[in-house]
PDB file of all heavy atoms in Angstrom:
ATOM      1  N   ASP A   1      -7.805  15.433  11.240  1.00  0.00           N
ATOM      2  CA  ASP A   1      -6.701  14.776  11.934  1.00  0.00           C
ATOM      3  C   ASP A   1      -5.766  14.079  10.947  1.00  0.00           C
ATOM      4  O   ASP A   1      -6.037  14.012   9.739  1.00  0.00           O
ATOM      5  CB  ASP A   1      -7.238  13.749  12.931  1.00  0.00           C
ATOM      6  CG  ASP A   1      -7.814  14.394  14.178  1.00  0.00           C
ATOM      7  OD1 ASP A   1      -7.653  15.628  14.349  1.00  0.00           O
ATOM      8  OD2 ASP A   1      -8.451  13.675  14.978  1.00  0.00           O
ATOM      9  N   SER A   2      -4.697  13.528  11.500  1.00  0.00           N
ATOM     10  CA  SER A   2      -3.707  12.798  10.711  1.00  0.00           C
ATOM     11  C   SER A   2      -3.550  11.384  11.247  1.00  0.00           C
ATOM     12  O   SER A   2      -3.792  11.118  12.436  1.00  0.00           O
ATOM     13  CB  SER A   2      -2.349  13.500  10.756  1.00  0.00           C
ATOM     14  OG  SER A   2      -2.418  14.791  10.191  1.00  0.00           O
ATOM     15  N   LEU A   3      -3.147  10.479  10.370  1.00  0.00           N
ATOM     16  CA  LEU A   3      -2.800   9.113  10.729  1.00  0.00           C
ATOM     17  C   LEU A   3      -1.638   8.684   9.855  1.00  0.00           C
ATOM     18  O   LEU A   3      -1.517   9.147   8.708  1.00  0.00           O
ATOM     19  CB  LEU A   3      -3.962   8.150  10.482  1.00  0.00           C
ATOM     20  CG  LEU A   3      -5.018   7.899  11.553  1.00  0.00           C
ATOM     21  CD1 LEU A   3      -6.072   6.942  11.022  1.00  0.00           C
ATOM     22  CD2 LEU A   3      -4.396   7.367  12.831  1.00  0.00           C
ATOM     23  N   ARG A   4      -0.827   7.763  10.389  1.00  0.00           N
ATOM     24  CA  ARG A   4       0.199   7.162   9.560  1.00  0.00           C
ATOM     25  C   ARG A   4       0.017   5.652   9.578  1.00  0.00           C
ATOM     26  O   ARG A   4       0.076   5.034  10.647  1.00  0.00           O
ATOM     27  CB  ARG A   4       1.609   7.516  10.035  1.00  0.00           C
ATOM     28  CG  ARG A   4       2.680   7.028   9.038  1.00  0.00           C
ATOM     29  CD  ARG A   4       4.088   7.439   9.409  1.00  0.00           C
ATOM     30  NE  ARG A   4       4.666   6.575  10.417  1.00  0.00           N
ATOM     31  CZ  ARG A   4       5.990   6.394  10.574  1.00  0.00           C
ATOM     32  NH1 ARG A   4       6.835   7.034   9.795  1.00  0.00           N
ATOM     33  NH2 ARG A   4       6.438   5.612  11.538  1.00  0.00           N
ATOM     34  N   LEU A   5      -0.184   5.099   8.411  1.00  0.00           N
ATOM     35  CA  LEU A   5      -0.286   3.654   8.266  1.00  0.00           C
ATOM     36  C   LEU A   5       1.093   3.095   7.954  1.00  0.00           C
ATOM     37  O   LEU A   5       1.895   3.730   7.259  1.00  0.00           O
ATOM     38  CB  LEU A   5      -1.256   3.288   7.147  1.00  0.00           C
ATOM     39  CG  LEU A   5      -2.670   3.849   7.251  1.00  0.00           C
ATOM     40  CD1 LEU A   5      -3.517   3.334   6.081  1.00  0.00           C
ATOM     41  CD2 LEU A   5      -3.309   3.520   8.567  1.00  0.00           C
ATOM     42  N   SER A   6       1.340   1.898   8.456  1.00  0.00           N
ATOM     43  CA  SER A   6       2.574   1.181   8.161  1.00  0.00           C
ATOM     44  C   SER A   6       2.236  -0.180   7.585  1.00  0.00           C
ATOM     45  O   SER A   6       1.195  -0.768   7.910  1.00  0.00           O
ATOM     46  CB  SER A   6       3.411   0.996   9.432  1.00  0.00           C
ATOM     47  OG  SER A   6       3.770   2.235  10.001  1.00  0.00           O
ATOM     48  N   CYS A   7       3.114  -0.670   6.753  1.00  0.00           N
ATOM     49  CA  CYS A   7       2.961  -2.013   6.188  1.00  0.00           C
ATOM     50  C   CYS A   7       4.324  -2.675   6.222  1.00  0.00           C
ATOM     51  O   CYS A   7       5.247  -2.250   5.530  1.00  0.00           O
ATOM     52  CB  CYS A   7       2.429  -1.938   4.766  1.00  0.00           C
ATOM     53  SG  CYS A   7       2.377  -3.519   3.906  1.00  0.00           S
ATOM     54  N   ALA A   8       4.441  -3.699   7.065  1.00  0.00           N
ATOM     55  CA  ALA A   8       5.683  -4.429   7.202  1.00  0.00           C
ATOM     56  C   ALA A   8       5.672  -5.653   6.292  1.00  0.00           C
ATOM     57  O   ALA A   8       4.713  -6.426   6.293  1.00  0.00           O
ATOM     58  CB  ALA A   8       5.879  -4.847   8.657  1.00  0.00           C
ATOM     59  N   ALA A   9       6.745  -5.814   5.551  1.00  0.00           N
ATOM     60  CA  ALA A   9       6.849  -6.928   4.607  1.00  0.00           C
ATOM     61  C   ALA A   9       7.864  -7.943   5.079  1.00  0.00           C
ATOM     62  O   ALA A   9       8.864  -7.595   5.722  1.00  0.00           O
ATOM     63  CB  ALA A   9       7.243  -6.400   3.224  1.00  0.00           C
ATOM     64  N   SER A  10       7.609  -9.202   4.738  1.00  0.00           N
ATOM     65  CA  SER A  10       8.558 -10.264   5.046  1.00  0.00           C
ATOM     66  C   SER A  10       8.442 -11.333   3.974  1.00  0.00           C
ATOM     67  O   SER A  10       7.441 -11.400   3.243  1.00  0.00           O
ATOM     68  CB  SER A  10       8.287 -10.868   6.424  1.00  0.00           C
ATOM     69  OG  SER A  10       6.986 -11.423   6.486  1.00  0.00           O
ATOM     70  N   GLY A  11       9.481 -12.144   3.876  1.00  0.00           N
ATOM     71  CA  GLY A  11       9.439 -13.287   2.978  1.00  0.00           C
ATOM     72  C   GLY A  11       9.905 -13.013   1.572  1.00  0.00           C
ATOM     73  O   GLY A  11       9.786 -13.883   0.720  1.00  0.00           O
ATOM     74  N   GLY A  12      10.401 -11.833   1.314  1.00  0.00           N
ATOM     75  CA  GLY A  12      10.887 -11.540  -0.022  1.00  0.00           C
ATOM     76  C   GLY A  12      11.933 -10.449   0.040  1.00  0.00           C
ATOM     77  O   GLY A  12      12.260  -9.943   1.125  1.00  0.00           O
ATOM     78  N   THR A  13      12.467 -10.086  -1.101  1.00  0.00           N
ATOM     79  CA  THR A  13      13.432  -8.993  -1.167  1.00  0.00           C
ATOM     80  C   THR A  13      12.646  -7.709  -1.361  1.00  0.00           C
ATOM     81  O   THR A  13      12.233  -7.374  -2.475  1.00  0.00           O
ATOM     82  CB  THR A  13      14.424  -9.211  -2.315  1.00  0.00           C
ATOM     83  OG1 THR A  13      15.079 -10.471  -2.132  1.00  0.00           O
ATOM     84  CG2 THR A  13      15.463  -8.093  -2.333  1.00  0.00           C
ATOM     85  N   PHE A  14      12.440  -6.998  -0.264  1.00  0.00           N
ATOM     86  CA  PHE A  14      11.519  -5.862  -0.261  1.00  0.00           C
ATOM     87  C   PHE A  14      11.885  -4.838  -1.324  1.00  0.00           C
ATOM     88  O   PHE A  14      11.005  -4.293  -2.001  1.00  0.00           O
ATOM     89  CB  PHE A  14      11.529  -5.220   1.122  1.00  0.00           C
ATOM     90  CG  PHE A  14      10.567  -4.080   1.282  1.00  0.00           C
ATOM     91  CD1 PHE A  14       9.202  -4.302   1.302  1.00  0.00           C
ATOM     92  CD2 PHE A  14      11.033  -2.771   1.426  1.00  0.00           C
ATOM     93  CE1 PHE A  14       8.307  -3.259   1.458  1.00  0.00           C
ATOM     94  CE2 PHE A  14      10.152  -1.709   1.586  1.00  0.00           C
ATOM     95  CZ  PHE A  14       8.780  -1.960   1.594  1.00  0.00           C
ATOM     96  N   SER A  15      13.161  -4.588  -1.485  1.00  0.00           N
ATOM     97  CA  SER A  15      13.593  -3.555  -2.419  1.00  0.00           C
ATOM     98  C   SER A  15      13.349  -3.924  -3.877  1.00  0.00           C
ATOM     99  O   SER A  15      13.550  -3.100  -4.773  1.00  0.00           O
ATOM    100  CB  SER A  15      15.068  -3.227  -2.200  1.00  0.00           C
ATOM    101  OG  SER A  15      15.858  -4.383  -2.388  1.00  0.00           O
ATOM    102  N   SER A  16      12.911  -5.149  -4.117  1.00  0.00           N
ATOM    103  CA  SER A  16      12.590  -5.583  -5.477  1.00  0.00           C
ATOM    104  C   SER A  16      11.129  -5.352  -5.841  1.00  0.00           C
ATOM    105  O   SER A  16      10.730  -5.612  -6.980  1.00  0.00           O
ATOM    106  CB  SER A  16      12.892  -7.075  -5.643  1.00  0.00           C
ATOM    107  OG  SER A  16      14.261  -7.338  -5.449  1.00  0.00           O
ATOM    108  N   TYR A  17      10.348  -4.900  -4.870  1.00  0.00           N
ATOM    109  CA  TYR A  17       8.914  -4.770  -5.075  1.00  0.00           C
ATOM    110  C   TYR A  17       8.471  -3.321  -5.092  1.00  0.00           C
ATOM    111  O   TYR A  17       8.839  -2.530  -4.216  1.00  0.00           O
ATOM    112  CB  TYR A  17       8.146  -5.497  -3.968  1.00  0.00           C
ATOM    113  CG  TYR A  17       8.294  -6.997  -4.028  1.00  0.00           C
ATOM    114  CD1 TYR A  17       9.349  -7.644  -3.396  1.00  0.00           C
ATOM    115  CD2 TYR A  17       7.377  -7.767  -4.732  1.00  0.00           C
ATOM    116  CE1 TYR A  17       9.483  -9.017  -3.475  1.00  0.00           C
ATOM    117  CE2 TYR A  17       7.500  -9.140  -4.813  1.00  0.00           C
ATOM    118  CZ  TYR A  17       8.567  -9.762  -4.182  1.00  0.00           C
ATOM    119  OH  TYR A  17       8.693 -11.124  -4.258  1.00  0.00           O
ATOM    120  N   ALA A  18       7.659  -2.996  -6.092  1.00  0.00           N
ATOM    121  CA  ALA A  18       6.886  -1.768  -6.014  1.00  0.00           C
ATOM    122  C   ALA A  18       5.776  -1.984  -4.990  1.00  0.00           C
ATOM    123  O   ALA A  18       5.314  -3.111  -4.790  1.00  0.00           O
ATOM    124  CB  ALA A  18       6.289  -1.420  -7.375  1.00  0.00           C
ATOM    125  N   MET A  19       5.380  -0.916  -4.333  1.00  0.00           N
ATOM    126  CA  MET A  19       4.394  -1.022  -3.263  1.00  0.00           C
ATOM    127  C   MET A  19       3.247  -0.044  -3.500  1.00  0.00           C
ATOM    128  O   MET A  19       3.423   1.013  -4.116  1.00  0.00           O
ATOM    129  CB  MET A  19       5.029  -0.719  -1.910  1.00  0.00           C
ATOM    130  CG  MET A  19       6.185  -1.621  -1.530  1.00  0.00           C
ATOM    131  SD  MET A  19       5.686  -3.330  -1.270  1.00  0.00           S
ATOM    132  CE  MET A  19       4.591  -3.177   0.146  1.00  0.00           C
ATOM    133  N   GLY A  20       2.100  -0.396  -2.992  1.00  0.00           N
ATOM    134  CA  GLY A  20       0.958   0.489  -3.146  1.00  0.00           C
ATOM    135  C   GLY A  20       0.018   0.400  -1.964  1.00  0.00           C
ATOM    136  O   GLY A  20       0.023  -0.582  -1.218  1.00  0.00           O
ATOM    137  N   TRP A  21      -0.758   1.442  -1.789  1.00  0.00           N
ATOM    138  CA  TRP A  21      -1.845   1.462  -0.829  1.00  0.00           C
ATOM    139  C   TRP A  21      -3.163   1.562  -1.605  1.00  0.00           C
ATOM    140  O   TRP A  21      -3.281   2.364  -2.552  1.00  0.00           O
ATOM    141  CB  TRP A  21      -1.720   2.652   0.122  1.00  0.00           C
ATOM    142  CG  TRP A  21      -0.644   2.484   1.146  1.00  0.00           C
ATOM    143  CD1 TRP A  21       0.635   2.957   1.095  1.00  0.00           C
ATOM    144  CD2 TRP A  21      -0.764   1.782   2.388  1.00  0.00           C
ATOM    145  NE1 TRP A  21       1.320   2.607   2.224  1.00  0.00           N
ATOM    146  CE2 TRP A  21       0.484   1.881   3.037  1.00  0.00           C
ATOM    147  CE3 TRP A  21      -1.799   1.088   3.036  1.00  0.00           C
ATOM    148  CZ2 TRP A  21       0.727   1.302   4.292  1.00  0.00           C
ATOM    149  CZ3 TRP A  21      -1.559   0.525   4.270  1.00  0.00           C
ATOM    150  CH2 TRP A  21      -0.311   0.637   4.877  1.00  0.00           C
ATOM    151  N   PHE A  22      -4.107   0.772  -1.183  1.00  0.00           N
ATOM    152  CA  PHE A  22      -5.438   0.742  -1.770  1.00  0.00           C
ATOM    153  C   PHE A  22      -6.449   0.896  -0.632  1.00  0.00           C
ATOM    154  O   PHE A  22      -6.116   0.694   0.530  1.00  0.00           O
ATOM    155  CB  PHE A  22      -5.679  -0.585  -2.491  1.00  0.00           C
ATOM    156  CG  PHE A  22      -4.777  -0.808  -3.681  1.00  0.00           C
ATOM    157  CD1 PHE A  22      -3.437  -1.123  -3.511  1.00  0.00           C
ATOM    158  CD2 PHE A  22      -5.262  -0.690  -4.970  1.00  0.00           C
ATOM    159  CE1 PHE A  22      -2.602  -1.322  -4.600  1.00  0.00           C
ATOM    160  CE2 PHE A  22      -4.442  -0.888  -6.067  1.00  0.00           C
ATOM    161  CZ  PHE A  22      -3.112  -1.208  -5.878  1.00  0.00           C
ATOM    162  N   ARG A  23      -7.677   1.225  -0.991  1.00  0.00           N
ATOM    163  CA  ARG A  23      -8.715   1.284   0.028  1.00  0.00           C
ATOM    164  C   ARG A  23     -10.049   0.835  -0.547  1.00  0.00           C
ATOM    165  O   ARG A  23     -10.281   0.919  -1.750  1.00  0.00           O
ATOM    166  CB  ARG A  23      -8.844   2.698   0.608  1.00  0.00           C
ATOM    167  CG  ARG A  23      -9.354   3.757  -0.365  1.00  0.00           C
ATOM    168  CD  ARG A  23      -9.282   5.140   0.275  1.00  0.00           C
ATOM    169  NE  ARG A  23      -9.784   6.175  -0.620  1.00  0.00           N
ATOM    170  CZ  ARG A  23      -9.711   7.480  -0.343  1.00  0.00           C
ATOM    171  NH1 ARG A  23      -9.146   7.909   0.789  1.00  0.00           N
ATOM    172  NH2 ARG A  23     -10.206   8.348  -1.204  1.00  0.00           N
ATOM    173  N   GLN A  24     -10.893   0.360   0.342  1.00  0.00           N
ATOM    174  CA  GLN A  24     -12.226  -0.060  -0.061  1.00  0.00           C
ATOM    175  C   GLN A  24     -13.219   0.394   0.997  1.00  0.00           C
ATOM    176  O   GLN A  24     -13.136  -0.022   2.162  1.00  0.00           O
ATOM    177  CB  GLN A  24     -12.306  -1.566  -0.247  1.00  0.00           C
ATOM    178  CG  GLN A  24     -13.641  -2.020  -0.824  1.00  0.00           C
ATOM    179  CD  GLN A  24     -13.607  -3.458  -1.305  1.00  0.00           C
ATOM    180  OE1 GLN A  24     -12.760  -4.252  -0.894  1.00  0.00           O
ATOM    181  NE2 GLN A  24     -14.532  -3.802  -2.181  1.00  0.00           N
ATOM    182  N   ALA A  25     -14.131   1.241   0.580  1.00  0.00           N
ATOM    183  CA  ALA A  25     -15.193   1.718   1.446  1.00  0.00           C
ATOM    184  C   ALA A  25     -16.405   0.796   1.303  1.00  0.00           C
ATOM    185  O   ALA A  25     -16.553   0.125   0.274  1.00  0.00           O
ATOM    186  CB  ALA A  25     -15.568   3.144   1.084  1.00  0.00           C
ATOM    187  N   PRO A  26     -17.268   0.755   2.298  1.00  0.00           N
ATOM    188  CA  PRO A  26     -18.456  -0.103   2.222  1.00  0.00           C
ATOM    189  C   PRO A  26     -19.292   0.177   0.973  1.00  0.00           C
ATOM    190  O   PRO A  26     -19.586   1.329   0.666  1.00  0.00           O
ATOM    191  CB  PRO A  26     -19.227   0.258   3.494  1.00  0.00           C
ATOM    192  CG  PRO A  26     -18.195   0.750   4.434  1.00  0.00           C
ATOM    193  CD  PRO A  26     -17.182   1.455   3.588  1.00  0.00           C
ATOM    194  N   GLY A  27     -19.608  -0.875   0.241  1.00  0.00           N
ATOM    195  CA  GLY A  27     -20.433  -0.737  -0.948  1.00  0.00           C
ATOM    196  C   GLY A  27     -19.721  -0.198  -2.172  1.00  0.00           C
ATOM    197  O   GLY A  27     -20.361   0.042  -3.202  1.00  0.00           O
ATOM    198  N   LYS A  28     -18.422  -0.005  -2.049  1.00  0.00           N
ATOM    199  CA  LYS A  28     -17.658   0.538  -3.183  1.00  0.00           C
ATOM    200  C   LYS A  28     -16.557  -0.425  -3.599  1.00  0.00           C
ATOM    201  O   LYS A  28     -16.156  -1.289  -2.825  1.00  0.00           O
ATOM    202  CB  LYS A  28     -17.050   1.894  -2.807  1.00  0.00           C
ATOM    203  CG  LYS A  28     -18.081   2.988  -2.551  1.00  0.00           C
ATOM    204  CD  LYS A  28     -17.417   4.335  -2.376  1.00  0.00           C
ATOM    205  CE  LYS A  28     -18.441   5.435  -2.194  1.00  0.00           C
ATOM    206  NZ  LYS A  28     -17.792   6.768  -2.046  1.00  0.00           N
ATOM    207  N   GLU A  29     -16.059  -0.233  -4.802  1.00  0.00           N
ATOM    208  CA  GLU A  29     -14.964  -1.052  -5.285  1.00  0.00           C
ATOM    209  C   GLU A  29     -13.652  -0.584  -4.661  1.00  0.00           C
ATOM    210  O   GLU A  29     -13.503   0.570  -4.265  1.00  0.00           O
ATOM    211  CB  GLU A  29     -14.873  -0.961  -6.812  1.00  0.00           C
ATOM    212  CG  GLU A  29     -16.038  -1.602  -7.540  1.00  0.00           C
ATOM    213  CD  GLU A  29     -15.804  -1.677  -9.032  1.00  0.00           C
ATOM    214  OE1 GLU A  29     -14.788  -1.158  -9.512  1.00  0.00           O
ATOM    215  OE2 GLU A  29     -16.656  -2.260  -9.725  1.00  0.00           O
ATOM    216  N   ARG A  30     -12.718  -1.505  -4.597  1.00  0.00           N
ATOM    217  CA  ARG A  30     -11.389  -1.137  -4.102  1.00  0.00           C
ATOM    218  C   ARG A  30     -10.731  -0.182  -5.088  1.00  0.00           C
ATOM    219  O   ARG A  30     -10.829  -0.366  -6.307  1.00  0.00           O
ATOM    220  CB  ARG A  30     -10.538  -2.393  -3.932  1.00  0.00           C
ATOM    221  CG  ARG A  30      -9.191  -2.150  -3.284  1.00  0.00           C
ATOM    222  CD  ARG A  30      -8.583  -3.462  -2.833  1.00  0.00           C
ATOM    223  NE  ARG A  30      -8.463  -4.414  -3.912  1.00  0.00           N
ATOM    224  CZ  ARG A  30      -8.206  -5.704  -3.740  1.00  0.00           C
ATOM    225  NH1 ARG A  30      -8.047  -6.171  -2.507  1.00  0.00           N
ATOM    226  NH2 ARG A  30      -8.110  -6.509  -4.769  1.00  0.00           N
ATOM    227  N   GLU A  31     -10.061   0.829  -4.555  1.00  0.00           N
ATOM    228  CA  GLU A  31      -9.410   1.819  -5.404  1.00  0.00           C
ATOM    229  C   GLU A  31      -7.971   2.033  -4.970  1.00  0.00           C
ATOM    230  O   GLU A  31      -7.621   1.881  -3.809  1.00  0.00           O
ATOM    231  CB  GLU A  31     -10.165   3.158  -5.349  1.00  0.00           C
ATOM    232  CG  GLU A  31     -10.190   3.803  -3.992  1.00  0.00           C
ATOM    233  CD  GLU A  31     -10.826   5.193  -3.997  1.00  0.00           C
ATOM    234  OE1 GLU A  31     -11.096   5.736  -5.087  1.00  0.00           O
ATOM    235  OE2 GLU A  31     -11.039   5.742  -2.896  1.00  0.00           O
ATOM    236  N   SER A  32      -7.161   2.417  -5.943  1.00  0.00           N
ATOM    237  CA  SER A  32      -5.766   2.732  -5.654  1.00  0.00           C
ATOM    238  C   SER A  32      -5.681   4.100  -4.998  1.00  0.00           C
ATOM    239  O   SER A  32      -6.352   5.038  -5.398  1.00  0.00           O
ATOM    240  CB  SER A  32      -4.961   2.724  -6.951  1.00  0.00           C
ATOM    241  OG  SER A  32      -3.647   3.170  -6.722  1.00  0.00           O
ATOM    242  N   VAL A  33      -4.848   4.190  -3.982  1.00  0.00           N
ATOM    243  CA  VAL A  33      -4.633   5.451  -3.275  1.00  0.00           C
ATOM    244  C   VAL A  33      -3.271   6.037  -3.623  1.00  0.00           C
ATOM    245  O   VAL A  33      -3.157   7.211  -3.948  1.00  0.00           O
ATOM    246  CB  VAL A  33      -4.749   5.239  -1.755  1.00  0.00           C
ATOM    247  CG1 VAL A  33      -4.386   6.509  -0.996  1.00  0.00           C
ATOM    248  CG2 VAL A  33      -6.143   4.761  -1.383  1.00  0.00           C
ATOM    249  N   ALA A  34      -2.236   5.205  -3.541  1.00  0.00           N
ATOM    250  CA  ALA A  34      -0.883   5.682  -3.776  1.00  0.00           C
ATOM    251  C   ALA A  34       0.005   4.507  -4.155  1.00  0.00           C
ATOM    252  O   ALA A  34      -0.264   3.367  -3.778  1.00  0.00           O
ATOM    253  CB  ALA A  34      -0.320   6.388  -2.545  1.00  0.00           C
ATOM    254  N   ALA A  35       1.064   4.823  -4.893  1.00  0.00           N
ATOM    255  CA  ALA A  35       2.019   3.801  -5.312  1.00  0.00           C
ATOM    256  C   ALA A  35       3.418   4.383  -5.234  1.00  0.00           C
ATOM    257  O   ALA A  35       3.611   5.600  -5.376  1.00  0.00           O
ATOM    258  CB  ALA A  35       1.712   3.327  -6.727  1.00  0.00           C
ATOM    259  N   ILE A  36       4.394   3.491  -5.035  1.00  0.00           N
ATOM    260  CA  ILE A  36       5.770   3.939  -4.960  1.00  0.00           C
ATOM    261  C   ILE A  36       6.651   2.899  -5.622  1.00  0.00           C
ATOM    262  O   ILE A  36       6.413   1.693  -5.509  1.00  0.00           O
ATOM    263  CB  ILE A  36       6.190   4.198  -3.493  1.00  0.00           C
ATOM    264  CG1 ILE A  36       7.543   4.888  -3.417  1.00  0.00           C
ATOM    265  CG2 ILE A  36       6.170   2.912  -2.672  1.00  0.00           C
ATOM    266  CD1 ILE A  36       7.847   5.470  -2.032  1.00  0.00           C
ATOM    267  N   SER A  37       7.666   3.368  -6.329  1.00  0.00           N
ATOM    268  CA  SER A  37       8.562   2.472  -7.041  1.00  0.00           C
ATOM    269  C   SER A  37       9.481   1.724  -6.080  1.00  0.00           C
ATOM    270  O   SER A  37       9.552   2.049  -4.892  1.00  0.00           O
ATOM    271  CB  SER A  37       9.389   3.271  -8.053  1.00  0.00           C
ATOM    272  OG  SER A  37      10.140   4.274  -7.386  1.00  0.00           O
ATOM    273  N   GLU A  38      10.200   0.748  -6.615  1.00  0.00           N
ATOM    274  CA  GLU A  38      11.029  -0.113  -5.787  1.00  0.00           C
ATOM    275  C   GLU A  38      12.040   0.668  -4.952  1.00  0.00           C
ATOM    276  O   GLU A  38      12.240   0.375  -3.767  1.00  0.00           O
ATOM    277  CB  GLU A  38      11.778  -1.127  -6.645  1.00  0.00           C
ATOM    278  CG  GLU A  38      10.905  -2.107  -7.416  1.00  0.00           C
ATOM    279  CD  GLU A  38      10.504  -1.589  -8.780  1.00  0.00           C
ATOM    280  OE1 GLU A  38      10.177  -0.398  -8.917  1.00  0.00           O
ATOM    281  OE2 GLU A  38      10.500  -2.408  -9.726  1.00  0.00           O
ATOM    282  N   GLY A  39      12.676   1.631  -5.553  1.00  0.00           N
ATOM    283  CA  GLY A  39      13.685   2.404  -4.846  1.00  0.00           C
ATOM    284  C   GLY A  39      13.141   3.620  -4.130  1.00  0.00           C
ATOM    285  O   GLY A  39      13.870   4.313  -3.406  1.00  0.00           O
TER     286      GLY A  39
END
């Protein structure tokens, strides 16, 4: 199946921030999934 996650930001200038998605499975360390530049 497919899913789409969303992350809404507030309190800053969003376009000034690089963004990333991370995940942590039970018993495992948090890992990077994806990253995107400011623009």
